[in-house]
Amino acid sequence: MRVDAFDFELPNGRIALRPARPRDAARMLVVDSGAMVDAGVSDLPSWLRPGDCLVFNDTRVIPAQLEGRRGDAKIGATLHKRIDLRRWQAFIRNAKRLRVGETVDFGEGVAALAEERLADGSFILAFAGDEPVEILLERAGTMPLPPYIAGKRATDADDRSDYQTIFAREDGAVAAPTAALHFTPKLLDALAAAGVKSETLTLHVGAGTFLPVKADDTEDHVMHAEWGRIDADTAARLNAARAAGGRIIAVGTTSLRLLESAARDDGIIAPFAGDTAIFITPGYRFKAIDGLMTNFHLPRSTLFMLVSALMGLDVMQAAYAHAIESGYRFYSYGDASLLLPRQGGRAA
């Protein structure tokens, strides 16, 4: 499909620069089989059924944004994907001033060798010394806010907690699974009281999620791989919940993409550990999920393509037009949508 089919006009004032407080005070647009209802995140229990299962991503965002120097040149690095204990793939700002074999000094005793330049223009950075890279990042790095926020204000101390979900446990993400930013202990208690189950998986979101789609056709776009895991016990519980009539509702596109990567053609979710570069566009047949809670996404983005695949492009264009006119807040710190497709997420 042509990428411009997924374009829309978004006023700058609709981009949220701070999250709602409390988190579950955010608005939520429910799109149920094409019908739209304005609600709030705190209303979520009333939109789900006993036996439904919400699936959260327990990845933890690391301070993966680094600013440094190579000689007299300023070099910015956004870590994307761990290679091993000391090496990371990174997207480099001012990359024309960095060559393989040169070292970038990020300050605070943190330095990294540009070990290799990959075909997509990113670099493999090898961090110097013996201290764990996580400790080095805590010292020299900042939270990697999306460019549409970072371009409007500086990252500050509040972002250390605001840009982290209450499920965050496994270090490795360089972008938050933002749909889960809306959840609070109070909301989780209300969901449990309503008979709604919850499970967690891990997908370490990479910086590729921020990159624009430069191709004119979706067939020509290449997704960056991200590492994820669903253990055998979690897969078994998810399959049992669905067999008992419950719906699997992914909280965030990251959870959805990993569930779909792990699912067999018959819809059974298998244990999974490894990379996924799944790219979901209209025409995709969903196997593992029956609904999605997600934020509002960028025009022409792979994430808007994903929600259009789930609900239909016409439905999502209408939903986004309604959200813009009704003052919903967009992107990582913005409001939520609950998407419940007519056929339970499994296309005919």
C-alpha atoms as a PDB file:
ATOM      1  CA  MET A   1       0.000   0.000   0.000  1.00  0.00           C
ATOM      2  CA  ARG A   2       1.051   3.581  -0.537  1.00  0.00           C
ATOM      3  CA  VAL A   3       2.365   5.162   2.664  1.00  0.00           C
ATOM      4  CA  ASP A   4       0.521   8.416   1.985  1.00  0.00           C
ATOM      5  CA  ALA A   5      -2.764   6.525   2.541  1.00  0.00           C
ATOM      6  CA  PHE A   6      -1.849   6.670   6.247  1.00  0.00           C
ATOM      7  CA  ASP A   7      -1.279  10.411   6.368  1.00  0.00           C
ATOM      8  CA  PHE A   8      -3.402  12.932   8.279  1.00  0.00           C
ATOM      9  CA  GLU A   9      -3.069  16.479   9.548  1.00  0.00           C
ATOM     10  CA  LEU A  10      -2.311  16.842  13.252  1.00  0.00           C
ATOM     11  CA  PRO A  11      -2.230  20.306  14.880  1.00  0.00           C
ATOM     12  CA  ASN A  12       0.896  20.866  16.989  1.00  0.00           C
ATOM     13  CA  GLY A  13      -1.260  21.670  20.002  1.00  0.00           C
ATOM     14  CA  ARG A  14      -2.510  18.090  20.152  1.00  0.00           C
ATOM     15  CA  ILE A  15       0.934  16.695  21.075  1.00  0.00           C
ATOM     16  CA  ALA A  16       1.103  15.971  24.827  1.00  0.00           C
ATOM     17  CA  LEU A  17       4.295  17.188  26.490  1.00  0.00           C
ATOM     18  CA  ARG A  18       3.402  15.843  29.954  1.00  0.00           C
ATOM     19  CA  PRO A  19       1.291  12.872  31.060  1.00  0.00           C
ATOM     20  CA  ALA A  20      -2.105  13.116  32.737  1.00  0.00           C
ATOM     21  CA  ARG A  21      -2.017  13.152  36.537  1.00  0.00           C
ATOM     22  CA  PRO A  22      -3.030  10.795  37.960  1.00  0.00           C
ATOM     23  CA  ARG A  23      -2.095   8.506  35.100  1.00  0.00           C
ATOM     24  CA  ASP A  24      -5.516   6.881  34.834  1.00  0.00           C
ATOM     25  CA  ALA A  25      -7.165  10.310  34.467  1.00  0.00           C
ATOM     26  CA  ALA A  26      -6.315  10.248  30.750  1.00  0.00           C
ATOM     27  CA  ARG A  27      -9.145  10.109  28.240  1.00  0.00           C
ATOM     28  CA  MET A  28      -9.868   6.932  26.291  1.00  0.00           C
ATOM     29  CA  LEU A  29     -11.625   6.696  22.937  1.00  0.00           C
ATOM     30  CA  VAL A  30     -13.374   3.331  22.641  1.00  0.00           C
ATOM     31  CA  VAL A  31     -13.740   2.070  19.079  1.00  0.00           C
ATOM     32  CA  ASP A  32     -15.989  -0.992  19.341  1.00  0.00           C
ATOM     33  CA  SER A  33     -16.759  -2.613  15.971  1.00  0.00           C
ATOM     34  CA  GLY A  34     -16.532   0.809  14.363  1.00  0.00           C
ATOM     35  CA  ALA A  35     -18.752   2.651  16.886  1.00  0.00           C
ATOM     36  CA  MET A  36     -16.979   5.387  18.881  1.00  0.00           C
ATOM     37  CA  VAL A  37     -17.542   6.271  22.531  1.00  0.00           C
ATOM     38  CA  ASP A  38     -15.685   8.941  24.520  1.00  0.00           C
ATOM     39  CA  ALA A  39     -14.596   7.488  27.858  1.00  0.00           C
ATOM     40  CA  GLY A  40     -11.725   7.602  30.338  1.00  0.00           C
ATOM     41  CA  VAL A  41      -8.944   5.157  31.148  1.00  0.00           C
ATOM     42  CA  SER A  42     -10.481   4.686  34.601  1.00  0.00           C
ATOM     43  CA  ASP A  43     -13.592   3.315  32.821  1.00  0.00           C
ATOM     44  CA  LEU A  44     -11.608   0.400  31.365  1.00  0.00           C
ATOM     45  CA  PRO A  45     -13.068  -2.269  33.714  1.00  0.00           C
ATOM     46  CA  SER A  46     -16.566  -1.543  32.408  1.00  0.00           C
ATOM     47  CA  TRP A  47     -15.458  -2.190  28.821  1.00  0.00           C
ATOM     48  CA  LEU A  48     -13.952  -5.604  29.558  1.00  0.00           C
ATOM     49  CA  ARG A  49     -15.518  -8.910  30.573  1.00  0.00           C
ATOM     50  CA  PRO A  50     -14.684 -11.356  33.352  1.00  0.00           C
ATOM     51  CA  GLY A  51     -12.098 -13.753  31.951  1.00  0.00           C
ATOM     52  CA  ASP A  52     -10.574 -11.226  29.541  1.00  0.00           C
ATOM     53  CA  CYS A  53      -6.799 -10.934  29.832  1.00  0.00           C
ATOM     54  CA  LEU A  54      -4.725  -7.766  29.492  1.00  0.00           C
ATOM     55  CA  VAL A  55      -1.145  -8.343  28.332  1.00  0.00           C
ATOM     56  CA  PHE A  56       1.481  -5.840  29.481  1.00  0.00           C
ATOM     57  CA  ASN A  57       5.100  -5.320  28.469  1.00  0.00           C
ATOM     58  CA  ASP A  58       7.423  -5.337  31.501  1.00  0.00           C
ATOM     59  CA  THR A  59      10.426  -3.835  29.727  1.00  0.00           C
ATOM     60  CA  ARG A  60      12.192  -1.006  31.561  1.00  0.00           C
ATOM     61  CA  VAL A  61      13.441   2.092  29.749  1.00  0.00           C
ATOM     62  CA  ILE A  62      17.136   2.772  30.240  1.00  0.00           C
ATOM     63  CA  PRO A  63      18.740   6.249  29.943  1.00  0.00           C
ATOM     64  CA  ALA A  64      19.816   5.482  26.388  1.00  0.00           C
ATOM     65  CA  GLN A  65      20.308   9.007  25.044  1.00  0.00           C
ATOM     66  CA  LEU A  66      23.945  10.103  25.085  1.00  0.00           C
ATOM     67  CA  GLU A  67      25.661  13.351  24.099  1.00  0.00           C
ATOM     68  CA  GLY A  68      29.398  13.367  23.523  1.00  0.00           C
ATOM     69  CA  ARG A  69      32.350  14.516  21.475  1.00  0.00           C
ATOM     70  CA  ARG A  70      34.759  13.024  18.994  1.00  0.00           C
ATOM     71  CA  GLY A  71      37.538  15.580  18.896  1.00  0.00           C
ATOM     72  CA  ASP A  72      35.836  18.895  18.158  1.00  0.00           C
ATOM     73  CA  ALA A  73      32.684  17.296  16.748  1.00  0.00           C
ATOM     74  CA  LYS A  74      29.489  16.906  18.764  1.00  0.00           C
ATOM     75  CA  ILE A  75      28.083  13.388  18.506  1.00  0.00           C
ATOM     76  CA  GLY A  76      24.663  12.242  19.726  1.00  0.00           C
ATOM     77  CA  ALA A  77      23.821   8.576  20.195  1.00  0.00           C
ATOM     78  CA  THR A  78      20.515   6.843  20.809  1.00  0.00           C
ATOM     79  CA  LEU A  79      21.034   3.208  21.742  1.00  0.00           C
ATOM     80  CA  HIS A  80      18.727   0.877  19.854  1.00  0.00           C
ATOM     81  CA  LYS A  81      19.507  -2.793  20.519  1.00  0.00           C
ATOM     82  CA  ARG A  82      21.923  -4.650  22.744  1.00  0.00           C
ATOM     83  CA  ILE A  83      24.436  -6.859  20.917  1.00  0.00           C
ATOM     84  CA  ASP A  84      26.209  -8.273  23.981  1.00  0.00           C
ATOM     85  CA  LEU A  85      27.367  -7.135  27.422  1.00  0.00           C
ATOM     86  CA  ARG A  86      29.408  -4.172  26.128  1.00  0.00           C
ATOM     87  CA  ARG A  87      28.180  -3.551  22.590  1.00  0.00           C
ATOM     88  CA  TRP A  88      25.029  -1.770  21.400  1.00  0.00           C
ATOM     89  CA  GLN A  89      23.646  -0.848  18.012  1.00  0.00           C
ATOM     90  CA  ALA A  90      23.030   2.917  18.054  1.00  0.00           C
ATOM     91  CA  PHE A  91      21.609   5.615  15.812  1.00  0.00           C
ATOM     92  CA  ILE A  92      24.096   8.471  15.578  1.00  0.00           C
ATOM     93  CA  ARG A  93      23.426  12.165  15.170  1.00  0.00           C
ATOM     94  CA  ASN A  94      26.136  13.976  13.153  1.00  0.00           C
ATOM     95  CA  ALA A  95      27.234  10.560  11.881  1.00  0.00           C
ATOM     96  CA  LYS A  96      29.213  12.128   9.032  1.00  0.00           C
ATOM     97  CA  ARG A  97      31.749  13.252  11.653  1.00  0.00           C
ATOM     98  CA  LEU A  98      32.283   9.752  13.051  1.00  0.00           C
ATOM     99  CA  ARG A  99      34.375   7.006  11.459  1.00  0.00           C
ATOM    100  CA  VAL A 100      34.885   3.375  12.358  1.00  0.00           C
ATOM    101  CA  GLY A 101      37.765   3.056  14.829  1.00  0.00           C
ATOM    102  CA  GLU A 102      37.159   6.451  16.490  1.00  0.00           C
ATOM    103  CA  THR A 103      36.124   6.872  20.135  1.00  0.00           C
ATOM    104  CA  VAL A 104      33.303   9.085  21.382  1.00  0.00           C
ATOM    105  CA  ASP A 105      33.704  10.635  24.843  1.00  0.00           C
ATOM    106  CA  PHE A 106      30.273  10.915  26.497  1.00  0.00           C
ATOM    107  CA  GLY A 107      31.617  12.470  29.713  1.00  0.00           C
ATOM    108  CA  GLU A 108      31.372  11.156  33.279  1.00  0.00           C
ATOM    109  CA  GLY A 109      34.099   8.630  32.428  1.00  0.00           C
ATOM    110  CA  VAL A 110      31.973   7.020  29.711  1.00  0.00           C
ATOM    111  CA  ALA A 111      33.437   6.364  26.259  1.00  0.00           C
ATOM    112  CA  ALA A 112      32.625   4.056  23.371  1.00  0.00           C
ATOM    113  CA  LEU A 113      34.469   2.890  20.277  1.00  0.00           C
ATOM    114  CA  ALA A 114      32.697   3.131  16.904  1.00  0.00           C
ATOM    115  CA  GLU A 115      33.377  -0.483  16.046  1.00  0.00           C
ATOM    116  CA  GLU A 116      31.312  -0.953  12.887  1.00  0.00           C
ATOM    117  CA  ARG A 117      28.960   0.982  10.623  1.00  0.00           C
ATOM    118  CA  LEU A 118      25.927  -0.995   9.477  1.00  0.00           C
ATOM    119  CA  ALA A 119      24.141  -0.832   6.139  1.00  0.00           C
ATOM    120  CA  ASP A 120      21.301   1.292   7.578  1.00  0.00           C
ATOM    121  CA  GLY A 121      23.767   3.953   8.762  1.00  0.00           C
ATOM    122  CA  SER A 122      23.674   2.968  12.446  1.00  0.00           C
ATOM    123  CA  PHE A 123      26.850   2.077  14.355  1.00  0.00           C
ATOM    124  CA  ILE A 124      27.952  -0.682  16.696  1.00  0.00           C
ATOM    125  CA  LEU A 125      29.327   1.069  19.793  1.00  0.00           C
ATOM    126  CA  ALA A 126      31.635  -0.860  22.129  1.00  0.00           C
ATOM    127  CA  PHE A 127      31.711   0.715  25.605  1.00  0.00           C
ATOM    128  CA  ALA A 128      35.107   0.980  27.274  1.00  0.00           C
ATOM    129  CA  GLY A 129      35.999  -0.310  30.748  1.00  0.00           C
ATOM    130  CA  ASP A 130      34.708  -3.021  33.037  1.00  0.00           C
ATOM    131  CA  GLU A 131      31.707  -1.358  34.690  1.00  0.00           C
ATOM    132  CA  PRO A 132      28.343  -2.692  33.488  1.00  0.00           C
ATOM    133  CA  VAL A 133      26.977  -0.554  30.656  1.00  0.00           C
ATOM    134  CA  GLU A 134      23.775  -0.016  32.669  1.00  0.00           C
ATOM    135  CA  ILE A 135      25.805   1.786  35.347  1.00  0.00           C
ATOM    136  CA  LEU A 136      27.549   3.904  32.721  1.00  0.00           C
ATOM    137  CA  LEU A 137      24.203   4.926  31.251  1.00  0.00           C
ATOM    138  CA  GLU A 138      22.779   5.866  34.630  1.00  0.00           C
ATOM    139  CA  ARG A 139      25.765   8.178  34.999  1.00  0.00           C
ATOM    140  CA  ALA A 140      25.954   9.766  31.548  1.00  0.00           C
ATOM    141  CA  GLY A 141      22.658   9.051  29.789  1.00  0.00           C
ATOM    142  CA  THR A 142      19.253  10.714  29.757  1.00  0.00           C
ATOM    143  CA  MET A 143      15.806   9.284  29.139  1.00  0.00           C
ATOM    144  CA  PRO A 144      15.273   8.934  25.392  1.00  0.00           C
ATOM    145  CA  LEU A 145      12.101  10.975  24.989  1.00  0.00           C
ATOM    146  CA  PRO A 146      10.575  10.817  21.506  1.00  0.00           C
ATOM    147  CA  PRO A 147      11.756  13.599  19.166  1.00  0.00           C
ATOM    148  CA  TYR A 148       8.295  15.190  19.071  1.00  0.00           C
ATOM    149  CA  ILE A 149       8.587  15.830  22.833  1.00  0.00           C
ATOM    150  CA  ALA A 150      12.336  16.377  23.133  1.00  0.00           C
ATOM    151  CA  GLY A 151      12.171  18.930  20.324  1.00  0.00           C
ATOM    152  CA  LYS A 152       9.746  21.062  22.345  1.00  0.00           C
ATOM    153  CA  ARG A 153      11.221  20.892  25.850  1.00  0.00           C
ATOM    154  CA  ALA A 154      14.255  19.565  27.710  1.00  0.00           C
ATOM    155  CA  THR A 155      14.241  16.190  29.417  1.00  0.00           C
ATOM    156  CA  ASP A 156      14.035  16.624  33.191  1.00  0.00           C
ATOM    157  CA  ALA A 157      13.957  14.673  36.439  1.00  0.00           C
ATOM    158  CA  ASP A 158      10.198  14.022  36.185  1.00  0.00           C
ATOM    159  CA  ASP A 159      10.740  12.021  32.992  1.00  0.00           C
ATOM    160  CA  ARG A 160      12.759   9.435  34.912  1.00  0.00           C
ATOM    161  CA  SER A 161       9.487   8.262  36.475  1.00  0.00           C
ATOM    162  CA  ASP A 162       6.896   9.609  34.012  1.00  0.00           C
ATOM    163  CA  TYR A 163       8.417   7.679  31.089  1.00  0.00           C
ATOM    164  CA  GLN A 164       8.387   4.365  32.975  1.00  0.00           C
ATOM    165  CA  THR A 165       5.406   2.057  33.454  1.00  0.00           C
ATOM    166  CA  ILE A 166       4.499   0.510  36.803  1.00  0.00           C
ATOM    167  CA  PHE A 167       5.284  -2.888  35.222  1.00  0.00           C
ATOM    168  CA  ALA A 168       8.881  -1.955  34.320  1.00  0.00           C
ATOM    169  CA  ARG A 169      11.189  -4.720  35.481  1.00  0.00           C
ATOM    170  CA  GLU A 170      13.482  -5.915  32.670  1.00  0.00           C
ATOM    171  CA  ASP A 171      16.159  -3.376  31.645  1.00  0.00           C
ATOM    172  CA  GLY A 172      16.638  -2.890  27.926  1.00  0.00           C
ATOM    173  CA  ALA A 173      14.073  -0.601  26.266  1.00  0.00           C
ATOM    174  CA  VAL A 174      14.970   2.736  24.728  1.00  0.00           C
ATOM    175  CA  ALA A 175      11.319   3.731  24.339  1.00  0.00           C
ATOM    176  CA  ALA A 176       8.437   3.147  26.728  1.00  0.00           C
ATOM    177  CA  PRO A 177       5.498   0.841  25.963  1.00  0.00           C
ATOM    178  CA  THR A 178       3.360   3.939  26.310  1.00  0.00           C
ATOM    179  CA  ALA A 179      -0.156   2.471  26.531  1.00  0.00           C
ATOM    180  CA  ALA A 180       0.786   0.992  29.905  1.00  0.00           C
ATOM    181  CA  LEU A 181       1.828   4.431  31.216  1.00  0.00           C
ATOM    182  CA  HIS A 182      -1.886   4.974  31.990  1.00  0.00           C
ATOM    183  CA  PHE A 183      -2.100   2.214  34.611  1.00  0.00           C
ATOM    184  CA  THR A 184      -2.100   2.750  38.370  1.00  0.00           C
ATOM    185  CA  PRO A 185      -2.394   0.331  41.299  1.00  0.00           C
ATOM    186  CA  LYS A 186      -5.957   1.586  41.827  1.00  0.00           C
ATOM    187  CA  LEU A 187      -6.919   0.757  38.232  1.00  0.00           C
ATOM    188  CA  LEU A 188      -5.282  -2.683  38.444  1.00  0.00           C
ATOM    189  CA  ASP A 189      -7.281  -3.403  41.619  1.00  0.00           C
ATOM    190  CA  ALA A 190     -10.516  -2.382  39.861  1.00  0.00           C
ATOM    191  CA  LEU A 191      -9.701  -4.632  36.900  1.00  0.00           C
ATOM    192  CA  ALA A 192      -8.977  -7.602  39.171  1.00  0.00           C
ATOM    193  CA  ALA A 193     -12.235  -6.999  41.046  1.00  0.00           C
ATOM    194  CA  ALA A 194     -14.031  -7.104  37.684  1.00  0.00           C
ATOM    195  CA  GLY A 195     -12.548 -10.522  36.943  1.00  0.00           C
ATOM    196  CA  VAL A 196     -10.047  -9.276  34.349  1.00  0.00           C
ATOM    197  CA  LYS A 197      -6.764 -11.209  34.263  1.00  0.00           C
ATOM    198  CA  SER A 198      -3.338  -9.802  33.462  1.00  0.00           C
ATOM    199  CA  GLU A 199      -0.078 -11.230  32.142  1.00  0.00           C
ATOM    200  CA  THR A 200       3.316  -9.770  31.239  1.00  0.00           C
ATOM    201  CA  LEU A 201       5.818 -10.402  28.487  1.00  0.00           C
ATOM    202  CA  THR A 202       9.041  -8.607  27.563  1.00  0.00           C
ATOM    203  CA  LEU A 203       9.803  -6.722  24.359  1.00  0.00           C
ATOM    204  CA  HIS A 204      12.744  -4.339  24.511  1.00  0.00           C
ATOM    205  CA  VAL A 205      11.489  -1.443  22.406  1.00  0.00           C
ATOM    206  CA  GLY A 206      14.195  -0.045  20.143  1.00  0.00           C
ATOM    207  CA  ALA A 207      14.862   3.437  18.823  1.00  0.00           C
ATOM    208  CA  GLY A 208      13.596   2.290  15.436  1.00  0.00           C
ATOM    209  CA  THR A 209      10.106   3.033  16.735  1.00  0.00           C
ATOM    210  CA  PHE A 210      10.946   6.760  16.368  1.00  0.00           C
ATOM    211  CA  LEU A 211      12.181   6.531  12.781  1.00  0.00           C
ATOM    212  CA  PRO A 212       9.917   7.829  10.017  1.00  0.00           C
ATOM    213  CA  VAL A 213       8.814   5.631   7.145  1.00  0.00           C
ATOM    214  CA  LYS A 214      10.804   6.996   4.200  1.00  0.00           C
ATOM    215  CA  ALA A 215       9.554   4.559   1.557  1.00  0.00           C
ATOM    216  CA  ASP A 216       6.633   5.477  -0.684  1.00  0.00           C
ATOM    217  CA  ASP A 217       5.163   1.972  -0.446  1.00  0.00           C
ATOM    218  CA  THR A 218       4.818  -0.217   2.644  1.00  0.00           C
ATOM    219  CA  GLU A 219       6.371  -3.110   0.692  1.00  0.00           C
ATOM    220  CA  ASP A 220       9.684  -1.240   0.649  1.00  0.00           C
ATOM    221  CA  HIS A 221       9.887  -0.417   4.368  1.00  0.00           C
ATOM    222  CA  VAL A 222      12.247  -2.498   6.535  1.00  0.00           C
ATOM    223  CA  MET A 223      11.522  -2.797  10.260  1.00  0.00           C
ATOM    224  CA  HIS A 224      14.357  -2.848  12.804  1.00  0.00           C
ATOM    225  CA  ALA A 225      14.507  -6.002  14.901  1.00  0.00           C
ATOM    226  CA  GLU A 226      13.720  -5.934  18.633  1.00  0.00           C
ATOM    227  CA  TRP A 227      14.289  -8.671  21.208  1.00  0.00           C
ATOM    228  CA  GLY A 228      11.384 -10.234  23.074  1.00  0.00           C
ATOM    229  CA  ARG A 229      10.403 -13.136  25.308  1.00  0.00           C
ATOM    230  CA  ILE A 230       7.219 -14.980  26.283  1.00  0.00           C
ATOM    231  CA  ASP A 231       7.916 -17.823  28.700  1.00  0.00           C
ATOM    232  CA  ALA A 232       6.158 -21.180  28.543  1.00  0.00           C
ATOM    233  CA  ASP A 233       4.010 -20.618  31.645  1.00  0.00           C
ATOM    234  CA  THR A 234       2.745 -17.265  30.374  1.00  0.00           C
ATOM    235  CA  ALA A 235       1.938 -18.730  26.960  1.00  0.00           C
ATOM    236  CA  ALA A 236       0.021 -21.575  28.608  1.00  0.00           C
ATOM    237  CA  ARG A 237      -2.050 -19.194  30.746  1.00  0.00           C
ATOM    238  CA  LEU A 238      -2.872 -16.999  27.745  1.00  0.00           C
ATOM    239  CA  ASN A 239      -3.990 -19.997  25.710  1.00  0.00           C
ATOM    240  CA  ALA A 240      -6.101 -21.245  28.638  1.00  0.00           C
ATOM    241  CA  ALA A 241      -7.764 -17.841  29.045  1.00  0.00           C
ATOM    242  CA  ARG A 242      -8.725 -17.756  25.395  1.00  0.00           C
ATOM    243  CA  ALA A 243      -9.909 -21.376  25.417  1.00  0.00           C
ATOM    244  CA  ALA A 244     -12.213 -20.463  28.308  1.00  0.00           C
ATOM    245  CA  GLY A 245     -13.797 -17.684  26.244  1.00  0.00           C
ATOM    246  CA  GLY A 246     -11.734 -14.723  27.420  1.00  0.00           C
ATOM    247  CA  ARG A 247     -10.386 -12.135  25.041  1.00  0.00           C
ATOM    248  CA  ILE A 248      -6.662 -11.384  24.788  1.00  0.00           C
ATOM    249  CA  ILE A 249      -6.285  -7.584  24.883  1.00  0.00           C
ATOM    250  CA  ALA A 250      -2.778  -6.349  24.162  1.00  0.00           C
ATOM    251  CA  VAL A 251      -1.806  -3.227  26.107  1.00  0.00           C
ATOM    252  CA  GLY A 252       0.343  -1.438  23.571  1.00  0.00           C
ATOM    253  CA  THR A 253       1.540  -2.233  20.090  1.00  0.00           C
ATOM    254  CA  THR A 254       4.729  -3.741  21.526  1.00  0.00           C
ATOM    255  CA  SER A 255       2.770  -6.447  23.367  1.00  0.00           C
ATOM    256  CA  LEU A 256       0.657  -7.021  20.269  1.00  0.00           C
ATOM    257  CA  ARG A 257       3.645  -7.405  17.968  1.00  0.00           C
ATOM    258  CA  LEU A 258       5.324  -9.940  20.221  1.00  0.00           C
ATOM    259  CA  LEU A 259       2.119 -11.954  20.700  1.00  0.00           C
ATOM    260  CA  GLU A 260       1.591 -12.075  16.954  1.00  0.00           C
ATOM    261  CA  SER A 261       5.245 -13.059  16.438  1.00  0.00           C
ATOM    262  CA  ALA A 262       4.806 -15.960  18.849  1.00  0.00           C
ATOM    263  CA  ALA A 263       1.421 -17.176  17.580  1.00  0.00           C
ATOM    264  CA  ARG A 264       0.983 -20.204  15.366  1.00  0.00           C
ATOM    265  CA  ASP A 265      -1.406 -20.126  12.413  1.00  0.00           C
ATOM    266  CA  ASP A 266      -4.092 -21.755  14.569  1.00  0.00           C
ATOM    267  CA  GLY A 267      -3.892 -18.921  17.108  1.00  0.00           C
ATOM    268  CA  ILE A 268      -2.013 -20.864  19.788  1.00  0.00           C
ATOM    269  CA  ILE A 269       0.622 -18.691  21.457  1.00  0.00           C
ATOM    270  CA  ALA A 270       3.940 -20.528  21.670  1.00  0.00           C
ATOM    271  CA  PRO A 271       6.856 -19.687  23.964  1.00  0.00           C
ATOM    272  CA  PHE A 272       9.169 -17.200  22.268  1.00  0.00           C
ATOM    273  CA  ALA A 273      12.656 -15.810  22.849  1.00  0.00           C
ATOM    274  CA  GLY A 274      14.485 -13.907  20.146  1.00  0.00           C
ATOM    275  CA  ASP A 275      14.272 -11.072  17.668  1.00  0.00           C
ATOM    276  CA  THR A 276      11.144  -9.950  15.879  1.00  0.00           C
ATOM    277  CA  ALA A 277      10.837  -7.518  13.000  1.00  0.00           C
ATOM    278  CA  ILE A 278       7.145  -8.137  12.315  1.00  0.00           C
ATOM    279  CA  PHE A 279       5.526  -5.384  10.230  1.00  0.00           C
ATOM    280  CA  ILE A 280       1.729  -5.356  10.373  1.00  0.00           C
ATOM    281  CA  THR A 281      -0.218  -3.555   7.643  1.00  0.00           C
ATOM    282  CA  PRO A 282      -3.794  -3.838   6.329  1.00  0.00           C
ATOM    283  CA  GLY A 283      -4.458  -7.337   5.047  1.00  0.00           C
ATOM    284  CA  TYR A 284      -2.658  -8.987   7.963  1.00  0.00           C
ATOM    285  CA  ARG A 285      -4.626 -11.791   9.642  1.00  0.00           C
ATOM    286  CA  PHE A 286      -4.425 -11.425  13.424  1.00  0.00           C
ATOM    287  CA  LYS A 287      -3.961 -14.715  15.257  1.00  0.00           C
ATOM    288  CA  ALA A 288      -3.201 -14.048  18.914  1.00  0.00           C
ATOM    289  CA  ILE A 289      -5.143 -10.966  20.008  1.00  0.00           C
ATOM    290  CA  ASP A 290      -8.769  -9.887  20.239  1.00  0.00           C
ATOM    291  CA  GLY A 291      -8.279  -6.202  20.985  1.00  0.00           C
ATOM    292  CA  LEU A 292      -5.745  -3.490  21.661  1.00  0.00           C
ATOM    293  CA  MET A 293      -5.344  -0.590  24.058  1.00  0.00           C
ATOM    294  CA  THR A 294      -2.953   1.952  22.589  1.00  0.00           C
ATOM    295  CA  ASN A 295      -2.154   5.644  22.383  1.00  0.00           C
ATOM    296  CA  PHE A 296      -2.655   7.863  19.326  1.00  0.00           C
ATOM    297  CA  HIS A 297       0.157   7.557  16.810  1.00  0.00           C
ATOM    298  CA  LEU A 298       2.096   9.585  14.255  1.00  0.00           C
ATOM    299  CA  PRO A 299       0.840  10.110  10.708  1.00  0.00           C
ATOM    300  CA  ARG A 300       2.453   7.726   8.190  1.00  0.00           C
ATOM    301  CA  SER A 301       3.901   5.626  11.030  1.00  0.00           C
ATOM    302  CA  THR A 302       4.133   1.847  11.216  1.00  0.00           C
ATOM    303  CA  LEU A 303       1.962   2.040  14.346  1.00  0.00           C
ATOM    304  CA  PHE A 304      -0.883   3.835  12.573  1.00  0.00           C
ATOM    305  CA  MET A 305      -0.581   1.167   9.882  1.00  0.00           C
ATOM    306  CA  LEU A 306      -0.905  -1.506  12.584  1.00  0.00           C
ATOM    307  CA  VAL A 307      -4.080  -0.077  14.114  1.00  0.00           C
ATOM    308  CA  SER A 308      -5.509   0.363  10.607  1.00  0.00           C
ATOM    309  CA  ALA A 309      -4.808  -3.314   9.962  1.00  0.00           C
ATOM    310  CA  LEU A 310      -6.727  -4.219  13.108  1.00  0.00           C
ATOM    311  CA  MET A 311      -9.748  -1.956  12.698  1.00  0.00           C
ATOM    312  CA  GLY A 312      -9.749  -0.933   9.047  1.00  0.00           C
ATOM    313  CA  LEU A 313      -8.168   2.194   7.555  1.00  0.00           C
ATOM    314  CA  ASP A 314     -11.498   4.007   7.110  1.00  0.00           C
ATOM    315  CA  VAL A 315     -12.463   3.335  10.737  1.00  0.00           C
ATOM    316  CA  MET A 316      -9.151   4.611  12.075  1.00  0.00           C
ATOM    317  CA  GLN A 317      -9.151   7.692   9.866  1.00  0.00           C
ATOM    318  CA  ALA A 318     -12.603   8.532  11.260  1.00  0.00           C
ATOM    319  CA  ALA A 319     -11.493   7.770  14.836  1.00  0.00           C
ATOM    320  CA  TYR A 320      -8.414   9.997  14.556  1.00  0.00           C
ATOM    321  CA  ALA A 321     -10.440  12.812  12.977  1.00  0.00           C
ATOM    322  CA  HIS A 322     -12.857  12.577  15.925  1.00  0.00           C
ATOM    323  CA  ALA A 323      -9.963  12.518  18.410  1.00  0.00           C
ATOM    324  CA  ILE A 324      -8.367  15.614  16.877  1.00  0.00           C
ATOM    325  CA  GLU A 325     -11.643  17.543  16.808  1.00  0.00           C
ATOM    326  CA  SER A 326     -12.495  16.466  20.371  1.00  0.00           C
ATOM    327  CA  GLY A 327      -9.175  17.576  21.837  1.00  0.00           C
ATOM    328  CA  TYR A 328      -7.579  14.201  22.603  1.00  0.00           C
ATOM    329  CA  ARG A 329      -3.878  14.406  23.418  1.00  0.00           C
ATOM    330  CA  PHE A 330      -1.549  12.472  21.076  1.00  0.00           C
ATOM    331  CA  TYR A 331       1.589  10.332  21.288  1.00  0.00           C
ATOM    332  CA  SER A 332       3.635   8.956  24.168  1.00  0.00           C
ATOM    333  CA  TYR A 333       2.275  11.144  26.990  1.00  0.00           C
ATOM    334  CA  GLY A 334      -1.156  11.463  25.430  1.00  0.00           C
ATOM    335  CA  ASP A 335      -4.559   9.814  25.771  1.00  0.00           C
ATOM    336  CA  ALA A 336      -5.557   6.234  24.989  1.00  0.00           C
ATOM    337  CA  SER A 337      -7.799   4.304  22.656  1.00  0.00           C
ATOM    338  CA  LEU A 338      -9.396   0.912  23.192  1.00  0.00           C
ATOM    339  CA  LEU A 339      -9.790  -0.893  19.870  1.00  0.00           C
ATOM    340  CA  LEU A 340     -12.218  -3.823  19.754  1.00  0.00           C
ATOM    341  CA  PRO A 341     -12.590  -5.162  16.221  1.00  0.00           C
ATOM    342  CA  ARG A 342     -15.811  -6.741  15.023  1.00  0.00           C
ATOM    343  CA  GLN A 343     -14.306 -10.209  14.591  1.00  0.00           C
ATOM    344  CA  GLY A 344     -12.300 -10.293  17.792  1.00  0.00           C
ATOM    345  CA  GLY A 345      -9.034  -9.305  16.174  1.00  0.00           C
ATOM    346  CA  ARG A 346      -9.013 -12.336  13.881  1.00  0.00           C
ATOM    347  CA  ALA A 347      -9.644 -11.199  10.340  1.00  0.00           C
ATOM    348  CA  ALA A 348     -11.701 -13.386   8.045  1.00  0.00           C
END
